[in-house]
Amino acid sequence: LVLTLGCLATARFEVHPYSRWASPAGQRLLGALRRGA
């Protein structure tokens, strides 16, 4: 149980937000688009 919760916590800090379509680079560009609107 600690293993699963630890993986969720790590994913939350390292790769959040999660996306089915965008890669991490794509998510960074989405963030820049929101800030620049």
PDB file of all heavy atoms in Angstrom:
ATOM      1  N   LEU A   1       0.832  -1.205   0.000  1.00  0.00           N
ATOM      2  CA  LEU A   1       0.000   0.000   0.000  1.00  0.00           C
ATOM      3  C   LEU A   1       0.868   1.257   0.000  1.00  0.00           C
ATOM      4  O   LEU A   1       0.584   2.223  -0.727  1.00  0.00           O
ATOM      5  CB  LEU A   1      -0.922  -0.013   1.226  1.00  0.00           C
ATOM      6  CG  LEU A   1      -1.904   1.164   1.330  1.00  0.00           C
ATOM      7  CD1 LEU A   1      -2.830   1.195   0.125  1.00  0.00           C
ATOM      8  CD2 LEU A   1      -2.712   1.065   2.616  1.00  0.00           C
ATOM      9  N   VAL A   2       1.941   1.247   0.774  1.00  0.00           N
ATOM     10  CA  VAL A   2       2.863   2.384   0.779  1.00  0.00           C
ATOM     11  C   VAL A   2       3.520   2.541  -0.586  1.00  0.00           C
ATOM     12  O   VAL A   2       3.741   3.672  -1.067  1.00  0.00           O
ATOM     13  CB  VAL A   2       3.926   2.193   1.881  1.00  0.00           C
ATOM     14  CG1 VAL A   2       5.053   3.214   1.726  1.00  0.00           C
ATOM     15  CG2 VAL A   2       3.287   2.324   3.258  1.00  0.00           C
ATOM     16  N   LEU A   3       3.818   1.423  -1.251  1.00  0.00           N
ATOM     17  CA  LEU A   3       4.412   1.477  -2.585  1.00  0.00           C
ATOM     18  C   LEU A   3       3.491   2.202  -3.570  1.00  0.00           C
ATOM     19  O   LEU A   3       3.930   3.098  -4.310  1.00  0.00           O
ATOM     20  CB  LEU A   3       4.715   0.065  -3.077  1.00  0.00           C
ATOM     21  CG  LEU A   3       5.218  -0.046  -4.527  1.00  0.00           C
ATOM     22  CD1 LEU A   3       6.560   0.655  -4.682  1.00  0.00           C
ATOM     23  CD2 LEU A   3       5.313  -1.515  -4.948  1.00  0.00           C
ATOM     24  N   THR A   4       2.222   1.833  -3.586  1.00  0.00           N
ATOM     25  CA  THR A   4       1.283   2.467  -4.526  1.00  0.00           C
ATOM     26  C   THR A   4       1.086   3.940  -4.184  1.00  0.00           C
ATOM     27  O   THR A   4       1.087   4.796  -5.084  1.00  0.00           O
ATOM     28  CB  THR A   4      -0.071   1.744  -4.508  1.00  0.00           C
ATOM     29  OG1 THR A   4      -0.582   1.707  -3.163  1.00  0.00           O
ATOM     30  CG2 THR A   4       0.075   0.320  -5.006  1.00  0.00           C
ATOM     31  N   LEU A   5       0.919   4.251  -2.902  1.00  0.00           N
ATOM     32  CA  LEU A   5       0.723   5.648  -2.517  1.00  0.00           C
ATOM     33  C   LEU A   5       1.979   6.471  -2.791  1.00  0.00           C
ATOM     34  O   LEU A   5       1.895   7.644  -3.182  1.00  0.00           O
ATOM     35  CB  LEU A   5       0.342   5.731  -1.036  1.00  0.00           C
ATOM     36  CG  LEU A   5      -1.001   5.090  -0.655  1.00  0.00           C
ATOM     37  CD1 LEU A   5      -1.244   5.220   0.847  1.00  0.00           C
ATOM     38  CD2 LEU A   5      -2.146   5.714  -1.437  1.00  0.00           C
ATOM     39  N   GLY A   6       3.150   5.865  -2.591  1.00  0.00           N
ATOM     40  CA  GLY A   6       4.390   6.576  -2.890  1.00  0.00           C
ATOM     41  C   GLY A   6       4.538   6.869  -4.381  1.00  0.00           C
ATOM     42  O   GLY A   6       4.984   7.952  -4.774  1.00  0.00           O
ATOM     43  N   CYS A   7       4.144   5.906  -5.222  1.00  0.00           N
ATOM     44  CA  CYS A   7       4.186   6.144  -6.672  1.00  0.00           C
ATOM     45  C   CYS A   7       3.232   7.260  -7.072  1.00  0.00           C
ATOM     46  O   CYS A   7       3.566   8.102  -7.916  1.00  0.00           O
ATOM     47  CB  CYS A   7       3.841   4.860  -7.418  1.00  0.00           C
ATOM     48  SG  CYS A   7       5.179   3.643  -7.457  1.00  0.00           S
ATOM     49  N   LEU A   8       2.048   7.279  -6.477  1.00  0.00           N
ATOM     50  CA  LEU A   8       1.101   8.354  -6.783  1.00  0.00           C
ATOM     51  C   LEU A   8       1.653   9.711  -6.364  1.00  0.00           C
ATOM     52  O   LEU A   8       1.516  10.702  -7.093  1.00  0.00           O
ATOM     53  CB  LEU A   8      -0.230   8.085  -6.086  1.00  0.00           C
ATOM     54  CG  LEU A   8      -1.115   6.981  -6.668  1.00  0.00           C
ATOM     55  CD1 LEU A   8      -2.354   6.786  -5.814  1.00  0.00           C
ATOM     56  CD2 LEU A   8      -1.509   7.313  -8.102  1.00  0.00           C
ATOM     57  N   ALA A   9       2.273   9.753  -5.186  1.00  0.00           N
ATOM     58  CA  ALA A   9       2.828  11.021  -4.715  1.00  0.00           C
ATOM     59  C   ALA A   9       3.970  11.487  -5.615  1.00  0.00           C
ATOM     60  O   ALA A   9       4.076  12.668  -5.953  1.00  0.00           O
ATOM     61  CB  ALA A   9       3.311  10.870  -3.271  1.00  0.00           C
ATOM     62  N   THR A  10       4.826  10.552  -6.029  1.00  0.00           N
ATOM     63  CA  THR A  10       5.938  10.915  -6.906  1.00  0.00           C
ATOM     64  C   THR A  10       5.428  11.423  -8.251  1.00  0.00           C
ATOM     65  O   THR A  10       5.919  12.425  -8.786  1.00  0.00           O
ATOM     66  CB  THR A  10       6.857   9.706  -7.117  1.00  0.00           C
ATOM     67  OG1 THR A  10       7.341   9.255  -5.851  1.00  0.00           O
ATOM     68  CG2 THR A  10       8.030  10.061  -8.011  1.00  0.00           C
ATOM     69  N   ALA A  11       4.426  10.726  -8.800  1.00  0.00           N
ATOM     70  CA  ALA A  11       3.866  11.154 -10.080  1.00  0.00           C
ATOM     71  C   ALA A  11       3.209  12.519  -9.956  1.00  0.00           C
ATOM     72  O   ALA A  11       3.268  13.331 -10.876  1.00  0.00           O
ATOM     73  CB  ALA A  11       2.842  10.121 -10.574  1.00  0.00           C
ATOM     74  N   ARG A  12       2.609  12.788  -8.802  1.00  0.00           N
ATOM     75  CA  ARG A  12       1.964  14.083  -8.598  1.00  0.00           C
ATOM     76  C   ARG A  12       2.976  15.228  -8.652  1.00  0.00           C
ATOM     77  O   ARG A  12       2.704  16.286  -9.228  1.00  0.00           O
ATOM     78  CB  ARG A  12       1.259  14.075  -7.241  1.00  0.00           C
ATOM     79  CG  ARG A  12       0.602  15.387  -6.854  1.00  0.00           C
ATOM     80  CD  ARG A  12      -0.657  15.612  -7.632  1.00  0.00           C
ATOM     81  NE  ARG A  12      -1.289  16.875  -7.289  1.00  0.00           N
ATOM     82  CZ  ARG A  12      -2.435  17.309  -7.792  1.00  0.00           C
ATOM     83  NH1 ARG A  12      -3.086  16.557  -8.666  1.00  0.00           N
ATOM     84  NH2 ARG A  12      -2.941  18.469  -7.440  1.00  0.00           N
ATOM     85  N   PHE A  13       4.145  14.998  -8.075  1.00  0.00           N
ATOM     86  CA  PHE A  13       5.145  16.063  -8.026  1.00  0.00           C
ATOM     87  C   PHE A  13       5.999  16.125  -9.283  1.00  0.00           C
ATOM     88  O   PHE A  13       6.455  17.206  -9.670  1.00  0.00           O
ATOM     89  CB  PHE A  13       6.051  15.877  -6.799  1.00  0.00           C
ATOM     90  CG  PHE A  13       5.399  16.256  -5.508  1.00  0.00           C
ATOM     91  CD1 PHE A  13       4.940  15.285  -4.634  1.00  0.00           C
ATOM     92  CD2 PHE A  13       5.223  17.590  -5.170  1.00  0.00           C
ATOM     93  CE1 PHE A  13       4.337  15.637  -3.430  1.00  0.00           C
ATOM     94  CE2 PHE A  13       4.617  17.944  -3.980  1.00  0.00           C
ATOM     95  CZ  PHE A  13       4.169  16.968  -3.101  1.00  0.00           C
ATOM     96  N   GLU A  14       6.217  14.979  -9.935  1.00  0.00           N
ATOM     97  CA  GLU A  14       7.163  14.938 -11.045  1.00  0.00           C
ATOM     98  C   GLU A  14       6.510  15.133 -12.411  1.00  0.00           C
ATOM     99  O   GLU A  14       7.092  15.788 -13.278  1.00  0.00           O
ATOM    100  CB  GLU A  14       7.920  13.596 -11.033  1.00  0.00           C
ATOM    101  CG  GLU A  14       8.801  13.403  -9.811  1.00  0.00           C
ATOM    102  CD  GLU A  14       9.974  14.367  -9.787  1.00  0.00           C
ATOM    103  OE1 GLU A  14      10.392  14.814 -10.871  1.00  0.00           O
ATOM    104  OE2 GLU A  14      10.474  14.667  -8.688  1.00  0.00           O
ATOM    105  N   VAL A  15       5.336  14.557 -12.641  1.00  0.00           N
ATOM    106  CA  VAL A  15       4.764  14.548 -13.997  1.00  0.00           C
ATOM    107  C   VAL A  15       3.343  15.093 -14.042  1.00  0.00           C
ATOM    108  O   VAL A  15       2.669  14.939 -15.045  1.00  0.00           O
ATOM    109  CB  VAL A  15       4.796  13.122 -14.595  1.00  0.00           C
ATOM    110  CG1 VAL A  15       6.219  12.668 -14.808  1.00  0.00           C
ATOM    111  CG2 VAL A  15       4.049  12.133 -13.711  1.00  0.00           C
ATOM    112  N   HIS A  16       2.874  15.713 -12.996  1.00  0.00           N
ATOM    113  CA  HIS A  16       1.543  16.302 -13.014  1.00  0.00           C
ATOM    114  C   HIS A  16       1.588  17.616 -13.781  1.00  0.00           C
ATOM    115  O   HIS A  16       2.583  18.361 -13.676  1.00  0.00           O
ATOM    116  CB  HIS A  16       1.057  16.538 -11.581  1.00  0.00           C
ATOM    117  CG  HIS A  16      -0.382  16.948 -11.490  1.00  0.00           C
ATOM    118  ND1 HIS A  16      -0.774  18.269 -11.463  1.00  0.00           N
ATOM    119  CD2 HIS A  16      -1.512  16.212 -11.443  1.00  0.00           C
ATOM    120  CE1 HIS A  16      -2.082  18.337 -11.386  1.00  0.00           C
ATOM    121  NE2 HIS A  16      -2.550  17.100 -11.377  1.00  0.00           N
ATOM    122  N   PRO A  17       0.588  18.014 -14.577  1.00  0.00           N
ATOM    123  CA  PRO A  17      -0.684  17.326 -14.788  1.00  0.00           C
ATOM    124  C   PRO A  17      -0.538  16.145 -15.754  1.00  0.00           C
ATOM    125  O   PRO A  17       0.319  16.155 -16.631  1.00  0.00           O
ATOM    126  CB  PRO A  17      -1.569  18.422 -15.411  1.00  0.00           C
ATOM    127  CG  PRO A  17      -0.599  19.310 -16.103  1.00  0.00           C
ATOM    128  CD  PRO A  17       0.646  19.308 -15.270  1.00  0.00           C
ATOM    129  N   TYR A  18      -1.378  15.145 -15.570  1.00  0.00           N
ATOM    130  CA  TYR A  18      -1.346  13.966 -16.410  1.00  0.00           C
ATOM    131  C   TYR A  18      -2.168  14.240 -17.672  1.00  0.00           C
ATOM    132  O   TYR A  18      -3.202  14.881 -17.616  1.00  0.00           O
ATOM    133  CB  TYR A  18      -1.919  12.766 -15.661  1.00  0.00           C
ATOM    134  CG  TYR A  18      -1.492  12.688 -14.218  1.00  0.00           C
ATOM    135  CD1 TYR A  18      -2.440  12.660 -13.209  1.00  0.00           C
ATOM    136  CD2 TYR A  18      -0.149  12.660 -13.877  1.00  0.00           C
ATOM    137  CE1 TYR A  18      -2.055  12.605 -11.883  1.00  0.00           C
ATOM    138  CE2 TYR A  18       0.241  12.597 -12.550  1.00  0.00           C
ATOM    139  CZ  TYR A  18      -0.720  12.571 -11.556  1.00  0.00           C
ATOM    140  OH  TYR A  18      -0.337  12.525 -10.250  1.00  0.00           O
ATOM    141  N   SER A  19      -1.692  13.736 -18.786  1.00  0.00           N
ATOM    142  CA  SER A  19      -2.397  13.954 -20.047  1.00  0.00           C
ATOM    143  C   SER A  19      -2.345  12.698 -20.881  1.00  0.00           C
ATOM    144  O   SER A  19      -1.307  12.033 -20.971  1.00  0.00           O
ATOM    145  CB  SER A  19      -1.772  15.124 -20.818  1.00  0.00           C
ATOM    146  OG  SER A  19      -2.346  15.243 -22.100  1.00  0.00           O
ATOM    147  N   ARG A  20      -3.464  12.392 -21.515  1.00  0.00           N
ATOM    148  CA  ARG A  20      -3.513  11.246 -22.410  1.00  0.00           C
ATOM    149  C   ARG A  20      -2.891  11.579 -23.765  1.00  0.00           C
ATOM    150  O   ARG A  20      -2.423  10.696 -24.471  1.00  0.00           O
ATOM    151  CB  ARG A  20      -4.963  10.805 -22.606  1.00  0.00           C
ATOM    152  CG  ARG A  20      -5.131   9.608 -23.526  1.00  0.00           C
ATOM    153  CD  ARG A  20      -6.574   9.296 -23.779  1.00  0.00           C
ATOM    154  NE  ARG A  20      -6.714   8.198 -24.713  1.00  0.00           N
ATOM    155  CZ  ARG A  20      -7.869   7.825 -25.251  1.00  0.00           C
ATOM    156  NH1 ARG A  20      -8.971   8.472 -24.950  1.00  0.00           N
ATOM    157  NH2 ARG A  20      -7.918   6.818 -26.106  1.00  0.00           N
ATOM    158  N   TRP A  21      -2.907  12.861 -24.123  1.00  0.00           N
ATOM    159  CA  TRP A  21      -2.506  13.239 -25.480  1.00  0.00           C
ATOM    160  C   TRP A  21      -1.177  13.977 -25.533  1.00  0.00           C
ATOM    161  O   TRP A  21      -0.450  13.863 -26.517  1.00  0.00           O
ATOM    162  CB  TRP A  21      -3.600  14.121 -26.099  1.00  0.00           C
ATOM    163  CG  TRP A  21      -4.943  13.479 -26.101  1.00  0.00           C
ATOM    164  CD1 TRP A  21      -5.961  13.693 -25.222  1.00  0.00           C
ATOM    165  CD2 TRP A  21      -5.413  12.473 -27.004  1.00  0.00           C
ATOM    166  NE1 TRP A  21      -7.038  12.899 -25.518  1.00  0.00           N
ATOM    167  CE2 TRP A  21      -6.729  12.142 -26.615  1.00  0.00           C
ATOM    168  CE3 TRP A  21      -4.847  11.847 -28.106  1.00  0.00           C
ATOM    169  CZ2 TRP A  21      -7.487  11.201 -27.288  1.00  0.00           C
ATOM    170  CZ3 TRP A  21      -5.607  10.894 -28.781  1.00  0.00           C
ATOM    171  CH2 TRP A  21      -6.895  10.585 -28.373  1.00  0.00           C
ATOM    172  N   ALA A  22      -0.854  14.779 -24.542  1.00  0.00           N
ATOM    173  CA  ALA A  22       0.337  15.627 -24.598  1.00  0.00           C
ATOM    174  C   ALA A  22       1.515  14.964 -23.894  1.00  0.00           C
ATOM    175  O   ALA A  22       1.365  14.361 -22.831  1.00  0.00           O
ATOM    176  CB  ALA A  22       0.055  16.986 -23.966  1.00  0.00           C
ATOM    177  N   SER A  23       2.683  15.093 -24.489  1.00  0.00           N
ATOM    178  CA  SER A  23       3.915  14.681 -23.834  1.00  0.00           C
ATOM    179  C   SER A  23       4.283  15.735 -22.791  1.00  0.00           C
ATOM    180  O   SER A  23       3.666  16.803 -22.730  1.00  0.00           O
ATOM    181  CB  SER A  23       5.032  14.553 -24.874  1.00  0.00           C
ATOM    182  OG  SER A  23       5.388  15.843 -25.359  1.00  0.00           O
ATOM    183  N   PRO A  24       5.297  15.484 -21.953  1.00  0.00           N
ATOM    184  CA  PRO A  24       5.714  16.527 -21.002  1.00  0.00           C
ATOM    185  C   PRO A  24       6.063  17.849 -21.683  1.00  0.00           C
ATOM    186  O   PRO A  24       5.741  18.918 -21.167  1.00  0.00           O
ATOM    187  CB  PRO A  24       6.936  15.891 -20.319  1.00  0.00           C
ATOM    188  CG  PRO A  24       6.659  14.426 -20.375  1.00  0.00           C
ATOM    189  CD  PRO A  24       5.964  14.196 -21.680  1.00  0.00           C
ATOM    190  N   ALA A  25       6.710  17.789 -22.856  1.00  0.00           N
ATOM    191  CA  ALA A  25       7.021  19.030 -23.576  1.00  0.00           C
ATOM    192  C   ALA A  25       5.746  19.725 -24.028  1.00  0.00           C
ATOM    193  O   ALA A  25       5.628  20.955 -23.972  1.00  0.00           O
ATOM    194  CB  ALA A  25       7.916  18.730 -24.783  1.00  0.00           C
ATOM    195  N   GLY A  26       4.771  18.935 -24.491  1.00  0.00           N
ATOM    196  CA  GLY A  26       3.498  19.519 -24.888  1.00  0.00           C
ATOM    197  C   GLY A  26       2.764  20.149 -23.720  1.00  0.00           C
ATOM    198  O   GLY A  26       2.123  21.199 -23.870  1.00  0.00           O
ATOM    199  N   GLN A  27       2.857  19.538 -22.555  1.00  0.00           N
ATOM    200  CA  GLN A  27       2.206  20.107 -21.380  1.00  0.00           C
ATOM    201  C   GLN A  27       2.855  21.433 -20.980  1.00  0.00           C
ATOM    202  O   GLN A  27       2.168  22.348 -20.517  1.00  0.00           O
ATOM    203  CB  GLN A  27       2.268  19.108 -20.233  1.00  0.00           C
ATOM    204  CG  GLN A  27       1.429  17.852 -20.478  1.00  0.00           C
ATOM    205  CD  GLN A  27       1.505  16.880 -19.322  1.00  0.00           C
ATOM    206  OE1 GLN A  27       1.357  17.262 -18.168  1.00  0.00           O
ATOM    207  NE2 GLN A  27       1.745  15.618 -19.618  1.00  0.00           N
ATOM    208  N   ARG A  28       4.174  21.542 -21.163  1.00  0.00           N
ATOM    209  CA  ARG A  28       4.830  22.808 -20.848  1.00  0.00           C
ATOM    210  C   ARG A  28       4.364  23.921 -21.787  1.00  0.00           C
ATOM    211  O   ARG A  28       4.170  25.066 -21.365  1.00  0.00           O
ATOM    212  CB  ARG A  28       6.352  22.641 -20.921  1.00  0.00           C
ATOM    213  CG  ARG A  28       6.939  21.833 -19.767  1.00  0.00           C
ATOM    214  CD  ARG A  28       8.434  22.017 -19.683  1.00  0.00           C
ATOM    215  NE  ARG A  28       9.105  21.454 -20.839  1.00  0.00           N
ATOM    216  CZ  ARG A  28       9.509  20.184 -20.921  1.00  0.00           C
ATOM    217  NH1 ARG A  28       9.282  19.350 -19.918  1.00  0.00           N
ATOM    218  NH2 ARG A  28      10.143  19.755 -21.996  1.00  0.00           N
ATOM    219  N   LEU A  29       4.175  23.575 -23.044  1.00  0.00           N
ATOM    220  CA  LEU A  29       3.674  24.575 -23.987  1.00  0.00           C
ATOM    221  C   LEU A  29       2.238  24.971 -23.666  1.00  0.00           C
ATOM    222  O   LEU A  29       1.852  26.124 -23.835  1.00  0.00           O
ATOM    223  CB  LEU A  29       3.772  24.042 -25.417  1.00  0.00           C
ATOM    224  CG  LEU A  29       5.165  24.035 -26.049  1.00  0.00           C
ATOM    225  CD1 LEU A  29       5.116  23.463 -27.452  1.00  0.00           C
ATOM    226  CD2 LEU A  29       5.746  25.428 -26.076  1.00  0.00           C
ATOM    227  N   LEU A  30       1.443  24.004 -23.211  1.00  0.00           N
ATOM    228  CA  LEU A  30       0.081  24.336 -22.796  1.00  0.00           C
ATOM    229  C   LEU A  30       0.095  25.305 -21.621  1.00  0.00           C
ATOM    230  O   LEU A  30      -0.706  26.240 -21.555  1.00  0.00           O
ATOM    231  CB  LEU A  30      -0.681  23.064 -22.420  1.00  0.00           C
ATOM    232  CG  LEU A  30      -1.182  22.191 -23.566  1.00  0.00           C
ATOM    233  CD1 LEU A  30      -1.784  20.902 -23.020  1.00  0.00           C
ATOM    234  CD2 LEU A  30      -2.203  22.934 -24.410  1.00  0.00           C
ATOM    235  N   GLY A  31       1.024  25.076 -20.682  1.00  0.00           N
ATOM    236  CA  GLY A  31       1.134  25.989 -19.554  1.00  0.00           C
ATOM    237  C   GLY A  31       1.529  27.390 -19.992  1.00  0.00           C
ATOM    238  O   GLY A  31       1.003  28.388 -19.482  1.00  0.00           O
ATOM    239  N   ALA A  32       2.440  27.484 -20.961  1.00  0.00           N
ATOM    240  CA  ALA A  32       2.840  28.792 -21.478  1.00  0.00           C
ATOM    241  C   ALA A  32       1.681  29.469 -22.188  1.00  0.00           C
ATOM    242  O   ALA A  32       1.516  30.697 -22.121  1.00  0.00           O
ATOM    243  CB  ALA A  32       4.023  28.645 -22.429  1.00  0.00           C
ATOM    244  N   LEU A  33       0.842  28.687 -22.868  1.00  0.00           N
ATOM    245  CA  LEU A  33      -0.320  29.254 -23.560  1.00  0.00           C
ATOM    246  C   LEU A  33      -1.302  29.842 -22.560  1.00  0.00           C
ATOM    247  O   LEU A  33      -1.838  30.934 -22.762  1.00  0.00           O
ATOM    248  CB  LEU A  33      -1.010  28.170 -24.394  1.00  0.00           C
ATOM    249  CG  LEU A  33      -2.272  28.590 -25.135  1.00  0.00           C
ATOM    250  CD1 LEU A  33      -1.932  29.576 -26.234  1.00  0.00           C
ATOM    251  CD2 LEU A  33      -2.978  27.368 -25.720  1.00  0.00           C
ATOM    252  N   ARG A  34      -1.521  29.138 -21.454  1.00  0.00           N
ATOM    253  CA  ARG A  34      -2.451  29.662 -20.437  1.00  0.00           C
ATOM    254  C   ARG A  34      -1.917  30.951 -19.824  1.00  0.00           C
ATOM    255  O   ARG A  34      -2.667  31.897 -19.615  1.00  0.00           O
ATOM    256  CB  ARG A  34      -2.666  28.610 -19.345  1.00  0.00           C
ATOM    257  CG  ARG A  34      -3.309  27.309 -19.832  1.00  0.00           C
ATOM    258  CD  ARG A  34      -3.640  26.409 -18.653  1.00  0.00           C
ATOM    259  NE  ARG A  34      -4.018  25.083 -19.074  1.00  0.00           N
ATOM    260  CZ  ARG A  34      -3.215  24.030 -19.047  1.00  0.00           C
ATOM    261  NH1 ARG A  34      -1.959  24.165 -18.602  1.00  0.00           N
ATOM    262  NH2 ARG A  34      -3.618  22.846 -19.441  1.00  0.00           N
ATOM    263  N   ARG A  35      -0.622  30.979 -19.534  1.00  0.00           N
ATOM    264  CA  ARG A  35      -0.048  32.170 -18.918  1.00  0.00           C
ATOM    265  C   ARG A  35      -0.022  33.349 -19.874  1.00  0.00           C
ATOM    266  O   ARG A  35      -0.160  34.505 -19.454  1.00  0.00           O
ATOM    267  CB  ARG A  35       1.380  31.879 -18.424  1.00  0.00           C
ATOM    268  CG  ARG A  35       1.438  30.894 -17.270  1.00  0.00           C
ATOM    269  CD  ARG A  35       2.843  30.863 -16.695  1.00  0.00           C
ATOM    270  NE  ARG A  35       3.820  30.414 -17.675  1.00  0.00           N
ATOM    271  CZ  ARG A  35       4.150  29.146 -17.873  1.00  0.00           C
ATOM    272  NH1 ARG A  35       3.554  28.189 -17.182  1.00  0.00           N
ATOM    273  NH2 ARG A  35       5.067  28.821 -18.774  1.00  0.00           N
ATOM    274  N   GLY A  36       0.145  33.084 -21.184  1.00  0.00           N
ATOM    275  CA  GLY A  36       0.269  34.167 -22.142  1.00  0.00           C
ATOM    276  C   GLY A  36      -1.035  34.662 -22.701  1.00  0.00           C
ATOM    277  O   GLY A  36      -1.059  35.619 -23.476  1.00  0.00           O
ATOM    278  N   ALA A  37      -2.158  34.037 -22.332  1.00  0.00           N
ATOM    279  CA  ALA A  37      -3.444  34.452 -22.885  1.00  0.00           C
ATOM    280  C   ALA A  37      -3.835  35.823 -22.345  1.00  0.00           C
ATOM    281  O   ALA A  37      -3.593  36.150 -21.188  1.00  0.00           O
ATOM    282  CB  ALA A  37      -4.517  33.425 -22.547  1.00  0.00           C
TER     283      ALA A  37
END
